[in-house]
Amino acid sequence: MNAAMRNRIAGLLMAALIFLADQALKGWLTGPLQLERVRVIDLLPVFDLRYTQNFGVSLGLFTAGSPEGRWALVAMTGAIALFVFVWMMRERKLGDIAALALVLGGAAGNIRDRFQFGFVIDYADLHFGEWRPFLIFNLADAAITIGVLIILARSLLSREKPDATAEPAPES
């Protein structure tokens, strides 16, 4: 097995671990902790667990107010996840694959929520007084965001260097 294939397998395992951790955390919060009933658990002066049902996608956009909207979001996010999966299977470098695995694992967690409940369970509330730099989010959202930031950073900062041994072009 070559290095690229090992990296892809590691990426798939990473995506699966993100998915499982996201689902286990949501299950623990809504099960034993009963966050759905309690609504808010104060943990730190700047961080609470706050149960929220997100019927939209990122930043609450494209809210699905009907069954058709729900399934359209499931289909759209499923298509994006499939695209990310195919992209990940074409990559060779572990850094690129790991970033895509974060996105894929997070997307899978949120897709499962939307498929099962019709909404995504969000619970992480970072705030400074009344100011919230983010909307309430979950582990899957955090993984997607970190993965996208890594992809952007790698694409902007890791430009191909010109070959120093190449002959200069003849001047006219």
Foldseek 3Di string as FASTA:
>chain_A
DDQQVVLLVVLQVLLQVLQVVQVVVVCCCCPVVVCVVVQWDDDDLFKIFGKDWQQAPAPSPQRQPDPVSLVVVLVVLVVVLVVLSVVLSPDRDNLLSNLSSLLNSLSVNQSVCCVVPVTGIFTIFGHDVPHGPGDGGTSSVVSNVSSVVSVVCCVVPVDDDPDPPDDDDDDD
